[in-house]
Protein backbone atom coordinates (compact mmCIF):
# COMPACT_ATOMS: atom_id res chain seq x y z
CA MET A 1 32.38 28.70 17.58
CA LYS A 2 30.69 25.29 17.48
CA VAL A 3 29.72 24.09 13.99
CA LEU A 4 27.46 21.08 13.42
CA ILE A 5 26.99 19.33 10.06
CA VAL A 6 23.84 17.24 9.84
CA CYS A 7 23.15 14.43 7.37
CA ALA A 8 20.82 11.43 7.40
CA SER A 9 23.06 8.96 9.23
CA GLY A 10 26.20 10.99 9.99
CA MET A 11 28.33 8.97 7.56
CA SER A 12 28.80 11.25 4.56
CA SER A 13 29.03 14.35 6.77
CA SER A 14 31.88 12.69 8.68
CA LEU A 15 33.96 12.78 5.46
CA LEU A 16 33.39 16.53 5.25
CA VAL A 17 34.21 17.09 8.91
CA GLN A 18 37.62 15.46 8.66
CA LYS A 19 38.62 17.61 5.65
CA LEU A 20 37.24 20.75 7.27
CA ARG A 21 39.19 20.08 10.47
CA ASP A 22 42.37 19.76 8.47
CA GLN A 23 41.72 23.07 6.71
CA ILE A 24 40.84 24.80 9.92
CA ALA A 25 44.10 23.61 11.48
CA GLN A 26 46.08 24.83 8.47
CA LYS A 27 44.42 28.28 8.61
CA GLY A 28 44.86 28.57 12.36
CA LEU A 29 41.13 28.93 13.03
CA SER A 30 41.29 27.33 16.43
CA ASP A 31 38.05 29.01 17.55
CA TYR A 32 36.02 26.76 15.25
CA LYS A 33 35.06 23.30 16.46
CA ILE A 34 33.31 21.11 13.90
CA ALA A 35 31.29 17.92 14.43
CA ALA A 36 28.89 15.76 12.46
CA CYS A 37 25.67 14.06 13.51
CA ALA A 38 22.74 12.05 12.18
CA SER A 39 19.31 13.58 11.85
CA ASN A 40 18.03 11.62 14.86
CA GLN A 41 20.56 13.38 17.15
CA LEU A 42 19.29 16.90 16.55
CA HIS A 43 17.65 17.38 19.92
CA GLU A 44 20.88 16.70 21.77
CA LEU A 45 23.39 18.53 19.59
CA VAL A 46 21.65 21.46 17.88
CA PRO A 47 21.10 23.47 21.11
CA GLN A 48 24.85 23.20 21.80
CA SER A 49 25.85 24.55 18.34
CA ASP A 50 26.33 28.07 17.02
CA ILE A 51 26.19 27.23 13.33
CA VAL A 52 24.28 24.28 11.87
CA LEU A 53 24.82 23.15 8.26
CA ILE A 54 22.37 20.67 6.79
CA ALA A 55 23.09 18.32 3.94
CA PRO A 56 21.06 19.14 0.78
CA GLN A 57 18.99 15.96 1.05
CA LEU A 58 17.61 17.11 4.44
CA THR A 59 16.33 20.57 3.57
CA TYR A 60 12.84 19.49 4.71
CA ILE A 61 13.96 19.51 8.38
CA LYS A 62 14.88 23.19 8.42
CA GLU A 63 11.81 24.16 10.44
CA SER A 64 12.55 21.49 13.04
CA ILE A 65 16.07 22.85 13.52
CA LEU A 66 14.84 26.44 13.74
CA GLU A 67 12.43 25.36 16.48
CA LEU A 68 15.36 23.92 18.42
CA PHE A 69 17.14 27.28 18.11
CA GLY A 70 14.33 28.77 20.18
CA ASP A 71 14.75 32.51 20.87
CA GLU A 72 18.52 32.54 20.36
CA LYS A 73 19.20 35.08 17.63
CA ASN A 74 22.94 34.42 17.30
CA LYS A 75 22.56 30.89 15.92
CA ARG A 76 22.78 30.35 12.15
CA LEU A 77 21.26 27.66 9.91
CA LEU A 78 22.99 27.09 6.57
CA GLU A 79 22.20 24.81 3.64
CA ILE A 80 25.19 23.21 1.92
CA ARG A 81 24.93 23.56 -1.88
CA PHE A 82 24.64 20.13 -3.45
CA GLN A 83 27.62 20.65 -5.79
CA ASP A 84 29.87 21.44 -2.82
CA TYR A 85 28.49 18.53 -0.81
CA GLY A 86 28.88 15.99 -3.58
CA SER A 87 32.42 17.02 -4.55
CA LEU A 88 33.52 17.49 -0.90
CA ASN A 89 34.40 21.11 -1.79
CA THR A 90 35.51 22.12 1.70
CA ASP A 91 36.92 25.42 0.41
CA ASN A 92 33.44 26.67 -0.43
CA ILE A 93 31.87 25.14 2.67
CA LEU A 94 34.45 26.73 4.93
CA GLU A 95 33.80 30.09 3.27
CA GLN A 96 30.12 29.53 3.92
CA ILE A 97 30.88 28.90 7.62
CA LEU A 98 33.17 31.92 7.94
CA HIS A 99 30.57 34.18 6.34
CA ALA A 100 27.50 32.63 7.97
CA ASP A 101 25.71 35.98 8.15
CA GLN A 102 25.73 36.39 4.37
CA LYS A 103 22.96 34.91 2.29
CA ALA A 104 24.22 31.94 0.28
CA GLU A 105 23.71 31.67 -3.46
CA GLN A 106 20.86 29.28 -4.30
CA ASP A 107 20.84 26.76 -7.11
CA SER A 108 18.71 27.95 -10.04
CA VAL A 109 15.55 25.97 -10.78
CA ASN A 110 13.07 26.50 -13.62
CA PRO A 111 9.49 27.50 -12.68
CA PHE A 112 7.85 24.11 -13.38
CA THR A 113 10.54 22.19 -11.52
CA ASN A 114 10.33 24.72 -8.69
CA ARG A 115 6.56 24.11 -8.28
CA LEU A 116 7.04 20.32 -8.28
CA LEU A 117 9.95 20.61 -5.85
CA THR A 118 7.88 22.81 -3.55
CA TRP A 119 5.11 20.17 -3.53
CA LEU A 120 7.59 17.38 -2.80
CA VAL A 121 9.25 19.37 -0.04
CA ARG A 122 5.88 19.92 1.61
CA MET A 123 5.19 16.19 1.40
CA ALA A 124 8.66 15.50 2.77
CA GLU A 125 8.06 17.90 5.67
CA MET A 126 4.76 16.16 6.49
CA ILE A 127 6.53 12.80 6.64
CA GLY A 128 9.99 13.72 7.79
CA THR A 129 8.94 16.04 10.61
CA ASN A 130 5.93 14.08 11.83
CA ARG A 131 6.69 13.27 15.44
CA THR A 132 4.98 9.89 15.42
CA ILE A 133 6.60 8.69 12.21
CA GLN A 134 10.01 9.88 13.34
CA ALA A 135 9.61 8.17 16.71
CA ILE A 136 8.78 4.86 15.02
CA THR A 137 11.68 5.19 12.56
CA ASN A 138 14.25 6.23 15.14
CA GLY A 139 13.01 3.64 17.62
CA MET A 140 13.47 0.92 15.02
CA ILE A 141 16.95 2.23 14.20
CA ALA A 142 17.87 2.09 17.90
CA VAL A 143 17.01 -1.64 17.93
CA ILE A 144 19.15 -2.49 14.87
CA PRO A 145 22.23 -3.46 16.98
CA ILE A 146 20.10 -5.95 18.91
CA SER A 147 18.68 -7.33 15.65
CA ILE A 148 22.16 -7.75 14.18
CA VAL A 149 23.45 -9.61 17.21
CA GLY A 150 20.43 -11.91 17.21
CA SER A 151 20.83 -12.51 13.46
CA LEU A 152 24.47 -13.47 13.89
CA PHE A 153 23.61 -16.02 16.57
CA THR A 154 20.88 -17.36 14.29
CA LEU A 155 23.56 -17.88 11.66
CA PHE A 156 25.75 -19.70 14.22
CA THR A 157 22.90 -22.07 15.05
CA ASN A 158 22.31 -22.82 11.34
CA ILE A 159 25.83 -23.45 10.06
CA PRO A 160 25.52 -24.93 6.55
CA TYR A 161 28.48 -27.30 7.09
CA ALA A 162 26.80 -30.51 8.35
CA PRO A 163 29.76 -32.11 10.29
CA LEU A 164 30.32 -28.93 12.32
CA ALA A 165 26.58 -28.41 12.86
CA ASP A 166 26.20 -31.99 14.11
CA TRP A 167 29.16 -31.60 16.49
CA LEU A 168 27.70 -28.41 17.97
CA THR A 169 24.33 -30.12 18.45
CA GLN A 170 25.81 -33.25 20.04
CA HIS A 171 27.72 -31.22 22.61
CA GLY A 172 24.74 -29.04 23.49
CA ILE A 173 26.39 -25.89 22.14
CA THR A 174 23.60 -25.19 19.67
CA THR A 175 21.06 -25.15 22.53
CA ILE A 176 23.15 -22.56 24.37
CA LEU A 177 23.59 -20.45 21.23
CA GLU A 178 19.80 -20.38 20.81
CA LEU A 179 19.43 -18.46 24.09
CA PRO A 180 20.80 -15.16 22.68
CA VAL A 181 18.41 -15.54 19.77
CA ALA A 182 15.48 -15.97 22.15
CA ALA A 183 16.62 -12.92 24.14
CA THR A 184 17.05 -10.71 21.06
CA ILE A 185 15.09 -11.60 17.90
CA ASP A 186 12.28 -13.36 19.80
CA CYS A 187 11.79 -10.33 22.05
CA LEU A 188 12.14 -7.49 19.54
CA ALA A 189 8.59 -6.21 20.14
CA LEU A 190 9.61 -5.41 23.73
CA TYR A 191 12.61 -3.38 22.63
CA PHE A 192 10.64 -1.65 19.86
CA CYS A 193 8.01 -0.60 22.38
CA TYR A 194 10.59 0.86 24.78
CA PHE A 195 12.71 2.75 22.25
CA ILE A 196 9.80 4.12 20.19
CA SER A 197 8.42 5.67 23.35
CA TYR A 198 11.91 6.88 24.30
CA ARG A 199 12.28 8.61 20.94
CA TYR A 200 8.73 9.97 21.01
CA THR A 201 9.52 11.77 24.27
CA ASN A 202 12.74 13.13 22.73
CA ASN A 203 15.04 11.07 24.91
CA LYS A 204 13.96 12.95 28.02
CA SER A 205 14.21 10.02 30.39
CA ALA A 206 15.04 6.33 30.25
CA PHE A 207 12.28 5.90 32.85
CA GLY A 208 8.85 7.53 32.76
CA ALA A 209 6.98 7.01 29.49
CA PRO A 210 9.36 4.38 27.98
CA LEU A 211 9.19 2.13 31.02
CA VAL A 212 5.44 2.57 31.41
CA SER A 213 4.98 1.74 27.72
CA LEU A 214 6.83 -1.50 28.26
CA ILE A 215 4.62 -2.38 31.21
CA CYS A 216 1.46 -1.56 29.27
CA PHE A 217 2.62 -3.65 26.33
CA LEU A 218 3.03 -6.68 28.62
CA ILE A 219 -0.45 -6.05 30.01
CA VAL A 220 -2.19 -5.95 26.61
CA ILE A 221 -0.46 -9.12 25.32
CA GLY A 222 -1.34 -11.04 28.50
CA ARG A 223 -4.24 -13.41 29.02
CA VAL A 224 -6.60 -12.52 31.81
CA GLU A 225 -7.09 -16.15 32.80
CA GLY A 226 -4.15 -17.03 35.01
CA SER A 227 -2.54 -13.63 34.22
CA MET A 228 -0.14 -15.27 31.75
CA ILE A 229 2.07 -13.41 29.29
CA ASP A 230 1.66 -14.72 25.74
CA VAL A 231 5.24 -15.00 24.42
CA THR A 232 3.87 -15.32 20.86
CA TYR A 233 3.69 -11.53 20.67
CA LEU A 234 7.10 -10.70 22.12
CA GLY A 235 8.67 -11.13 18.66
CA ALA A 236 7.71 -10.32 15.08
CA LYS A 237 3.96 -10.95 15.54
CA GLY A 238 3.80 -8.29 18.25
CA LEU A 239 5.56 -5.45 16.38
CA PHE A 240 2.39 -3.67 15.28
CA THR A 241 0.96 -3.92 18.77
CA SER A 242 4.17 -2.57 20.29
CA ILE A 243 4.07 0.42 17.91
CA ILE A 244 0.45 1.21 18.72
CA VAL A 245 0.90 0.80 22.48
CA SER A 246 4.12 2.80 22.67
CA ILE A 247 2.68 5.78 20.79
CA PHE A 248 -0.65 5.66 22.64
CA VAL A 249 0.96 5.42 26.08
CA SER A 250 3.49 8.17 25.31
CA LYS A 251 0.74 10.56 24.25
CA VAL A 252 -1.42 9.77 27.32
CA TYR A 253 1.62 9.96 29.62
CA GLU A 254 2.54 13.44 28.40
CA ARG A 255 -1.00 14.75 28.87
CA ALA A 256 -1.23 13.18 32.32
CA GLU A 257 2.04 14.83 33.30
CA LYS A 258 0.54 18.23 32.48
CA LEU A 259 -2.65 17.36 34.37
CA PHE A 260 -0.86 16.27 37.52
CA ASP A 261 1.38 19.28 38.00
CA PRO A 262 3.17 18.62 41.35
CA GLU A 263 3.42 22.36 42.05
CA LYS A 264 -0.37 22.55 42.13
CA ILE A 265 -1.24 19.34 43.95
CA MET A 266 1.65 19.39 46.43
CA PRO A 267 2.64 23.03 47.02
CA GLY A 268 5.49 23.68 49.43
CA ILE A 269 6.82 20.09 49.36
CA PRO A 270 10.51 19.62 48.37
CA MET A 271 11.11 18.55 44.79
CA ASP A 272 12.97 15.37 45.87
CA THR A 273 9.82 14.28 47.65
CA LYS A 274 7.51 15.16 44.79
CA ALA A 275 9.69 13.63 42.07
CA PRO A 276 8.31 10.07 42.30
CA PHE A 277 4.80 11.41 41.78
CA LEU A 278 5.88 12.78 38.40
CA VAL A 279 6.01 9.13 37.32
CA ILE A 280 3.47 7.44 39.60
CA LEU A 281 0.36 9.43 38.65
CA PRO A 282 0.79 9.37 34.85
CA ALA A 283 1.83 5.71 35.09
CA MET A 284 -1.36 4.89 37.00
CA VAL A 285 -3.50 6.52 34.26
CA CYS A 286 -1.73 4.63 31.42
CA ILE A 287 -1.75 1.27 33.24
CA PHE A 288 -5.43 1.68 34.16
CA LEU A 289 -6.43 2.45 30.55
CA THR A 290 -4.46 -0.46 29.07
CA SER A 291 -5.80 -2.80 31.79
CA CYS A 292 -9.31 -1.79 30.78
CA LEU A 293 -8.42 -2.53 27.18
CA ALA A 294 -7.07 -5.99 28.13
CA VAL A 295 -10.22 -6.79 30.15
CA GLY A 296 -12.48 -5.55 27.34
CA MET A 297 -10.66 -7.60 24.69
CA ALA A 298 -10.99 -10.70 26.87
CA GLN A 299 -14.77 -10.44 26.47
CA THR A 300 -14.51 -10.61 22.67
CA SER A 301 -13.84 -13.49 20.33
CA TYR A 302 -10.30 -12.19 19.74
CA GLY A 303 -9.28 -12.68 23.34
CA THR A 304 -6.41 -10.18 23.31
CA PHE A 305 -5.63 -6.90 21.65
CA PRO A 306 -2.58 -8.17 19.70
CA ASN A 307 -4.62 -11.07 18.40
CA MET A 308 -7.25 -8.63 17.10
CA ILE A 309 -4.50 -6.51 15.45
CA SER A 310 -3.02 -9.67 13.94
CA VAL A 311 -6.35 -10.94 12.57
CA VAL A 312 -7.89 -7.63 11.45
CA MET A 313 -4.89 -5.72 10.12
CA GLN A 314 -1.38 -7.11 10.46
CA ASP A 315 -1.70 -10.50 8.75
CA ALA A 316 -3.68 -9.11 5.81
CA MET A 317 -1.35 -6.15 5.34
CA LEU A 318 1.85 -8.17 5.64
CA GLN A 319 0.60 -10.85 3.31
CA PHE A 320 -0.39 -8.25 0.73
CA MET A 321 2.85 -6.25 0.96
CA GLY A 322 4.94 -9.40 1.07
CA LYS A 323 3.45 -10.67 -2.18
CA SER A 324 2.78 -7.41 -3.99
CA LEU A 325 5.66 -6.62 -6.34
CA ALA A 326 3.73 -3.61 -7.71
CA SER A 327 3.47 -1.86 -4.31
CA PHE A 328 7.18 -2.48 -3.66
CA LEU A 329 8.17 -1.05 -7.05
CA ILE A 330 5.92 1.99 -6.63
CA THR A 331 7.46 2.87 -3.28
CA ASN A 332 10.93 2.30 -4.76
CA ILE A 333 10.25 4.69 -7.63
CA LEU A 334 8.82 7.26 -5.21
CA ALA A 335 11.97 7.12 -3.06
CA ASN A 336 14.08 7.57 -6.21
CA LEU A 337 11.95 10.54 -7.29
CA PHE A 338 12.55 12.25 -3.94
CA TRP A 339 16.29 11.74 -4.45
CA PHE A 340 16.13 13.26 -7.95
CA PHE A 341 14.91 16.46 -6.33
CA GLY A 342 17.63 16.32 -3.68
CA LEU A 343 15.52 14.97 -0.82
CA HIS A 344 16.43 11.88 1.18
CA GLY A 345 13.95 9.43 -0.37
CA GLY A 346 15.27 6.50 1.67
CA ASN A 347 14.49 8.16 4.98
CA LEU A 348 11.10 9.44 3.87
CA VAL A 349 9.73 6.28 2.29
CA SER A 350 11.26 3.83 4.79
CA SER A 351 9.63 5.83 7.60
CA LEU A 352 6.31 4.55 6.25
CA MET A 353 7.32 1.13 4.93
CA ALA A 354 9.79 -0.12 7.59
CA PRO A 355 7.02 -1.13 10.07
CA ILE A 356 5.59 -3.33 7.28
CA TYR A 357 8.70 -4.86 5.74
CA GLU A 358 10.70 -5.39 8.96
CA PRO A 359 8.23 -7.98 10.40
CA LEU A 360 8.39 -9.86 7.06
CA ALA A 361 12.18 -10.16 7.41
CA LEU A 362 11.79 -11.40 10.98
CA GLU A 363 9.23 -14.01 9.90
CA ASN A 364 11.73 -15.24 7.29
CA LEU A 365 14.43 -15.36 9.94
CA ALA A 366 12.22 -17.39 12.25
CA ALA A 367 11.47 -19.84 9.42
CA PHE A 368 15.17 -20.02 8.53
CA LYS A 369 16.03 -20.82 12.15
CA ALA A 370 13.40 -23.55 12.22
CA GLY A 371 14.52 -25.03 8.88
CA LEU A 372 11.19 -24.22 7.23
CA PRO A 373 10.50 -22.69 3.78
CA LEU A 374 10.93 -18.91 3.77
CA PRO A 375 7.44 -17.33 3.53
CA HIS A 376 8.26 -13.92 2.00
CA ILE A 377 10.29 -12.87 -1.03
CA ILE A 378 9.79 -9.19 -0.34
CA ASN A 379 10.98 -7.92 3.04
CA SER A 380 13.30 -5.30 4.46
CA GLN A 381 16.42 -7.17 3.20
CA PHE A 382 15.13 -7.94 -0.29
CA LYS A 383 16.19 -4.59 -1.77
CA LYS A 384 19.86 -5.10 -1.04
CA THR A 385 20.07 -8.16 -3.29
CA PHE A 386 19.89 -5.84 -6.33
CA THR A 387 20.67 -2.32 -5.03
CA HIS A 388 24.35 -1.60 -4.52
CA GLY A 389 26.02 1.67 -3.68
CA GLY A 390 22.80 3.40 -2.61
CA VAL A 391 19.83 4.88 -4.46
CA GLY A 392 19.84 4.00 -8.15
CA SER A 393 22.36 1.20 -7.56
CA THR A 394 25.18 3.64 -8.33
CA LEU A 395 28.09 1.39 -7.37
CA SER A 396 28.13 0.23 -10.98
CA LEU A 397 28.15 3.85 -12.13
CA ALA A 398 31.08 4.59 -9.78
CA PHE A 399 33.06 1.75 -11.42
CA LEU A 400 32.29 3.14 -14.87
CA MET A 401 33.31 6.66 -13.84
CA CYS A 402 36.50 5.47 -12.15
CA PHE A 403 37.76 3.13 -14.89
CA ARG A 404 36.02 4.10 -18.17
CA ALA A 405 35.64 7.87 -18.06
CA LYS A 406 37.70 10.01 -20.43
CA SER A 407 36.86 13.28 -18.70
CA GLN A 408 38.86 14.35 -15.65
CA LYS A 409 35.68 15.49 -13.87
CA LEU A 410 33.90 12.13 -14.02
CA ARG A 411 37.07 10.18 -13.29
CA GLN A 412 37.80 12.32 -10.21
CA ILE A 413 34.26 12.00 -8.88
CA GLY A 414 34.44 8.24 -9.51
CA ARG A 415 37.63 7.98 -7.45
CA ILE A 416 36.00 9.82 -4.57
CA ALA A 417 32.73 7.89 -4.84
CA LEU A 418 33.91 4.31 -5.42
CA PRO A 419 35.30 3.58 -1.91
CA THR A 420 32.26 5.03 -0.18
CA SER A 421 29.73 3.52 -2.61
CA ILE A 422 30.91 0.03 -1.66
CA PHE A 423 29.45 0.83 1.76
CA PHE A 424 26.23 2.44 0.37
CA ILE A 425 27.35 6.05 0.78
CA ASN A 426 26.80 7.61 -2.63
CA GLU A 427 26.30 11.33 -1.96
CA PRO A 428 29.49 12.15 -3.95
CA ILE A 429 27.76 10.82 -7.05
CA ILE A 430 24.27 12.12 -6.28
CA PHE A 431 25.43 15.67 -5.63
CA GLY A 432 28.85 15.75 -7.30
CA LEU A 433 28.03 14.40 -10.76
CA PRO A 434 25.22 15.44 -10.12
CA LEU A 435 22.19 13.14 -10.42
CA VAL A 436 20.04 15.71 -8.62
CA MET A 437 17.99 17.85 -10.99
CA ASN A 438 19.89 16.40 -13.96
CA PRO A 439 17.49 15.51 -16.81
CA LEU A 440 20.15 13.30 -18.44
CA PHE A 441 20.07 10.88 -15.51
CA VAL A 442 16.39 10.97 -14.50
CA LEU A 443 15.48 7.73 -16.29
CA PRO A 444 18.25 5.49 -14.85
CA LEU A 445 17.89 7.03 -11.39
CA LEU A 446 14.16 6.28 -11.37
CA PHE A 447 14.08 2.90 -13.11
CA VAL A 448 17.36 0.98 -12.74
CA THR A 449 16.46 -0.44 -9.33
CA PRO A 450 12.80 -1.21 -10.22
CA ILE A 451 14.01 -3.16 -13.31
CA CYS A 452 16.57 -5.06 -11.24
CA GLY A 453 14.00 -5.59 -8.48
CA ALA A 454 11.39 -7.05 -10.80
CA LEU A 455 13.94 -9.44 -12.32
CA THR A 456 15.13 -10.47 -8.81
CA TYR A 457 11.57 -11.14 -7.69
CA PHE A 458 11.03 -13.31 -10.78
CA VAL A 459 14.12 -15.51 -10.27
CA MET A 460 13.26 -15.93 -6.58
CA SER A 461 9.65 -16.80 -7.32
CA ILE A 462 10.68 -19.60 -9.73
CA GLY A 463 13.26 -20.90 -7.25
CA LEU A 464 16.37 -20.09 -9.31
CA ILE A 465 17.83 -18.38 -6.23
CA PRO A 466 16.47 -18.54 -2.67
CA ALA A 467 14.76 -15.69 -0.86
CA VAL A 468 16.86 -13.82 1.67
CA SER A 469 16.86 -15.36 5.13
CA GLY A 470 15.86 -12.07 6.74
CA MET A 471 19.08 -11.77 8.73
CA ILE A 472 19.37 -8.16 9.86
CA GLU A 473 22.66 -6.71 8.68
CA PRO A 474 24.17 -3.19 8.90
CA TRP A 475 23.00 -1.03 5.99
CA THR A 476 26.66 -0.48 5.07
CA MET A 477 27.26 -4.22 4.45
CA PRO A 478 29.02 -4.54 1.06
CA PRO A 479 27.48 -6.69 -1.71
CA ILE A 480 28.48 -10.35 -2.05
CA ILE A 481 29.26 -10.50 1.70
CA PHE A 482 25.61 -9.54 2.21
CA GLY A 483 24.43 -12.43 0.01
CA LEU A 484 26.64 -14.96 1.80
CA LEU A 485 25.32 -13.85 5.19
CA GLN A 486 21.78 -14.16 3.89
CA GLY A 487 22.34 -17.90 3.69
CA SER A 488 23.30 -18.68 0.10
CA TRP A 489 26.19 -18.32 -2.33
CA LYS A 490 23.55 -18.08 -5.03
CA ILE A 491 22.34 -14.74 -3.62
CA ALA A 492 25.96 -13.51 -3.60
CA LEU A 493 26.41 -14.59 -7.22
CA TRP A 494 23.15 -12.88 -8.14
CA GLU A 495 24.46 -9.65 -6.63
CA VAL A 496 27.37 -9.82 -9.07
CA VAL A 497 24.89 -10.30 -11.95
CA MET A 498 22.95 -7.26 -10.70
CA LEU A 499 26.14 -5.18 -10.59
CA PHE A 500 26.73 -5.91 -14.27
CA LEU A 501 23.08 -5.35 -15.22
CA ALA A 502 22.94 -2.00 -13.40
CA GLY A 503 26.21 -1.04 -15.14
CA ALA A 504 24.71 -1.90 -18.53
CA LEU A 505 21.61 0.19 -17.79
CA TRP A 506 23.68 3.16 -16.59
CA TYR A 507 26.25 2.92 -19.41
CA PRO A 508 24.46 4.83 -22.26
CA PHE A 509 23.75 7.77 -19.96
CA PHE A 510 27.26 7.70 -18.48
CA ARG A 511 28.70 7.70 -22.02
CA ILE A 512 26.79 10.86 -22.95
CA ALA A 513 27.75 12.63 -19.73
CA ASP A 514 31.38 11.64 -20.14
CA ARG A 515 31.53 12.89 -23.72
CA ILE A 516 29.90 16.20 -22.76
CA ALA A 517 32.37 16.70 -19.90
CA TYR A 518 35.35 15.65 -22.05
CA LYS A 519 34.41 18.09 -24.83
CA GLU A 520 34.06 20.89 -22.28
CA GLU A 521 37.49 20.09 -20.86
CA GLN A 522 38.92 20.17 -24.39
CA GLY A 523 37.28 23.51 -25.03
CA LYS A 524 35.11 22.11 -27.80
CA PRO A 525 31.31 22.37 -28.10
CA PHE A 526 29.48 19.10 -27.64
CA GLN A 527 27.71 17.76 -30.73
CA ALA A 528 24.46 15.86 -30.14
CA ASP A 529 25.39 13.11 -32.60
CA ALA A 530 28.68 12.47 -30.78
CA ALA A 531 26.89 10.17 -28.35
CA SER A 532 25.48 7.93 -31.03
């Protein structure tokens, strides 16, 4: 029996898997094989599984998983209860697996909350299961390793210690180290185009639509006169164009594949002979259409399609989003609200905002590399200067629970959550405390990070601390180290300040929860004035 546990990135579910494997070994259940995966691996692993358990924050992808089951009636889809997921209660989860045919008990929700939750789930389904949005998100995730490598080499070429930097420059080492930057960060639009198309076609083939999308992207950024490729749009400035081209070409390619069915146009010919035409004919259609677009744009004042996108949409949008604190805070509160109802707000909101904020970070990185002033305070890396531990900046709360709690419950959850929260995995707190559907914690969950974000924006805008360099780092990068890698000890120091501020904002609510739990453990009723 193959069991698959699905969470957003495969990190928190891996903790469950290890404990479940130990229990299965102890009970002698050798027939059960358990694995974990991220939500972007569903197409490969769900068809191979007999039982699929989804983390509570991903309930909006149920329909997508059921579609992957197809007509197989023996497969089972289970939802892990958020209390069990947060506390890593593998006893209950194993029972759920062993009795997969029985209907699981659902968490009780009052009628008003249930209506609001239903509305949010529908919105989450629209965003989280939209094929185009998911392709863009997963394609950008696939390019993260390339971005990180390029960012590290950018750091090597901008070492803040002058004697060492001068020595590297004098010996020509800096020039060599700039080549990996040019091949990674300065060509990200190419990689985005390829991988977005690859994800849109559900990883069917590394050739076909992804390769054709790459070719078409190079066509639309070229200049007709002299057939030159404009390298300006291979990097950050070409990201919007690469997204548009990759999605357009993938859609056209799929329709052309259905139109040019080799069984109809070449009946009786062996498949090995017909196989190349599965690529050639759709490729011809896509390349012809994008060539027409390139020729048509050459007749306009814009000259090229990416230049039109840059002038008409991209520059205006990026400038607005990069300078609009209000829009950033609104999206942050919306993501937190999704989390309050147990839905993965980070995945849902970043699916829409990542194509906007990622180019801003890359523009900062380019300016940092050139020694110029950083143009954007708000970008994809800005949030991590004041958010630690995950949604709600719960690393501070984990410290409070671990070292200041009187109740055994909060102290135990704090001990589980603290090590993982350092690396931005805070499901033990979200679902174990819980923060989900808990009126006591709704205010800090919604507003701690917006308050910290507004204050961070203010101190950066007056120059008290510098803006982040835009260096792309793993999302699990711990605080302080993150700030140092972003180019300044001041950012690292500010992260410490934010840890204390978030702790102060969480503290009154933690104190009430701790007293309630402590009174319950002592067998005494909680008095409302005890928290005063």
